[in-house]
N, C-alpha and C. Protein backbone atom coordinates (compact mmCIF):
# COMPACT_ATOMS: atom_id res chain seq x y z
N MET A 1 5.64 16.10 -6.64
CA MET A 1 6.69 15.15 -6.95
C MET A 1 6.15 13.99 -7.80
N LYS A 2 4.94 13.53 -7.48
CA LYS A 2 4.36 12.43 -8.25
C LYS A 2 4.11 12.83 -9.70
N LYS A 3 3.76 14.10 -9.91
CA LYS A 3 3.52 14.57 -11.27
C LYS A 3 4.80 14.52 -12.09
N ILE A 4 5.91 14.88 -11.48
CA ILE A 4 7.20 14.85 -12.17
C ILE A 4 7.58 13.43 -12.52
N ILE A 5 7.42 12.51 -11.59
CA ILE A 5 7.74 11.10 -11.83
C ILE A 5 6.85 10.54 -12.93
N THR A 6 5.58 10.87 -12.89
CA THR A 6 4.66 10.40 -13.92
C THR A 6 5.05 10.93 -15.29
N LEU A 7 5.39 12.20 -15.35
CA LEU A 7 5.80 12.81 -16.61
C LEU A 7 7.07 12.15 -17.14
N LEU A 8 8.04 11.93 -16.26
CA LEU A 8 9.28 11.27 -16.67
C LEU A 8 9.01 9.85 -17.17
N ALA A 9 8.11 9.15 -16.53
CA ALA A 9 7.78 7.79 -16.96
C ALA A 9 7.14 7.81 -18.35
N ILE A 10 6.25 8.73 -18.59
CA ILE A 10 5.59 8.83 -19.90
C ILE A 10 6.62 9.15 -20.98
N VAL A 11 7.51 10.08 -20.70
CA VAL A 11 8.55 10.44 -21.67
C VAL A 11 9.46 9.25 -21.93
N ALA A 12 9.86 8.55 -20.88
CA ALA A 12 10.75 7.39 -21.04
C ALA A 12 10.09 6.30 -21.86
N ILE A 13 8.83 6.04 -21.61
CA ILE A 13 8.11 5.02 -22.38
C ILE A 13 7.97 5.44 -23.84
N ALA A 14 7.68 6.70 -24.07
CA ALA A 14 7.54 7.18 -25.45
C ALA A 14 8.85 7.05 -26.21
N ILE A 15 9.94 7.43 -25.57
CA ILE A 15 11.26 7.33 -26.22
C ILE A 15 11.62 5.87 -26.45
N SER A 16 11.39 5.05 -25.45
CA SER A 16 11.71 3.63 -25.56
C SER A 16 10.90 2.95 -26.66
N ALA A 17 9.63 3.27 -26.73
CA ALA A 17 8.77 2.64 -27.73
C ALA A 17 9.17 3.05 -29.14
N SER A 18 9.63 4.27 -29.30
CA SER A 18 10.02 4.72 -30.64
C SER A 18 11.40 4.20 -31.02
N ALA A 19 12.18 3.75 -30.06
CA ALA A 19 13.54 3.31 -30.34
C ALA A 19 13.66 1.83 -30.66
N CYS A 20 12.64 1.04 -30.40
CA CYS A 20 12.77 -0.39 -30.64
C CYS A 20 11.88 -0.84 -31.79
N ASN A 21 12.20 -2.00 -32.36
CA ASN A 21 11.50 -2.45 -33.56
C ASN A 21 10.66 -3.71 -33.35
N THR A 22 10.77 -4.34 -32.21
CA THR A 22 10.05 -5.59 -31.99
C THR A 22 9.22 -5.52 -30.72
N VAL A 23 8.27 -6.42 -30.61
CA VAL A 23 7.44 -6.50 -29.41
C VAL A 23 8.31 -6.86 -28.21
N GLN A 24 9.26 -7.75 -28.41
CA GLN A 24 10.17 -8.12 -27.32
C GLN A 24 10.98 -6.91 -26.88
N GLY A 25 11.42 -6.11 -27.82
CA GLY A 25 12.17 -4.90 -27.50
C GLY A 25 11.34 -3.91 -26.71
N ILE A 26 10.07 -3.78 -27.07
CA ILE A 26 9.17 -2.88 -26.35
C ILE A 26 9.04 -3.35 -24.89
N GLY A 27 8.90 -4.65 -24.71
CA GLY A 27 8.79 -5.19 -23.35
C GLY A 27 10.01 -4.87 -22.51
N LYS A 28 11.19 -5.02 -23.10
CA LYS A 28 12.43 -4.72 -22.38
C LYS A 28 12.51 -3.23 -22.06
N ASP A 29 12.12 -2.39 -23.02
CA ASP A 29 12.18 -0.95 -22.80
C ASP A 29 11.22 -0.50 -21.72
N VAL A 30 10.01 -1.06 -21.73
CA VAL A 30 9.03 -0.71 -20.71
C VAL A 30 9.51 -1.16 -19.33
N LYS A 31 10.12 -2.33 -19.27
CA LYS A 31 10.66 -2.82 -18.00
C LYS A 31 11.74 -1.88 -17.49
N LYS A 32 12.63 -1.46 -18.36
CA LYS A 32 13.71 -0.56 -17.97
C LYS A 32 13.15 0.78 -17.50
N ALA A 33 12.15 1.29 -18.21
CA ALA A 33 11.52 2.56 -17.80
C ALA A 33 10.89 2.42 -16.43
N GLY A 34 10.27 1.28 -16.16
CA GLY A 34 9.67 1.03 -14.85
C GLY A 34 10.71 1.00 -13.76
N GLU A 35 11.87 0.43 -14.05
CA GLU A 35 12.95 0.38 -13.07
C GLU A 35 13.46 1.79 -12.77
N VAL A 36 13.54 2.63 -13.79
CA VAL A 36 13.98 4.01 -13.60
C VAL A 36 13.00 4.77 -12.72
N VAL A 37 11.72 4.61 -12.99
CA VAL A 37 10.70 5.29 -12.20
C VAL A 37 10.72 4.78 -10.76
N GLU A 38 10.88 3.48 -10.60
CA GLU A 38 10.94 2.90 -9.26
C GLU A 38 12.13 3.44 -8.49
N GLY A 39 13.26 3.55 -9.15
CA GLY A 39 14.45 4.11 -8.51
C GLY A 39 14.24 5.56 -8.11
N ALA A 40 13.59 6.32 -8.97
CA ALA A 40 13.32 7.73 -8.65
C ALA A 40 12.34 7.85 -7.49
N ALA A 41 11.39 6.94 -7.41
CA ALA A 41 10.40 6.99 -6.33
C ALA A 41 11.02 6.66 -4.98
N LYS A 42 12.06 5.84 -4.98
CA LYS A 42 12.70 5.45 -3.72
C LYS A 42 13.55 6.56 -3.13
N LYS A 43 13.94 7.54 -3.95
CA LYS A 43 14.80 8.63 -3.47
C LYS A 43 14.06 9.61 -2.63
């Protein structure tokens, strides 16, 4: 299960990083990806 969560987190970060154009945007995207992973871990 941890491997799946880790893989999803890496994919989410990669997509988020490629979708934003500023350092501030990257920070927001990484935060959002972390929240998604945290939510998945709580289930």
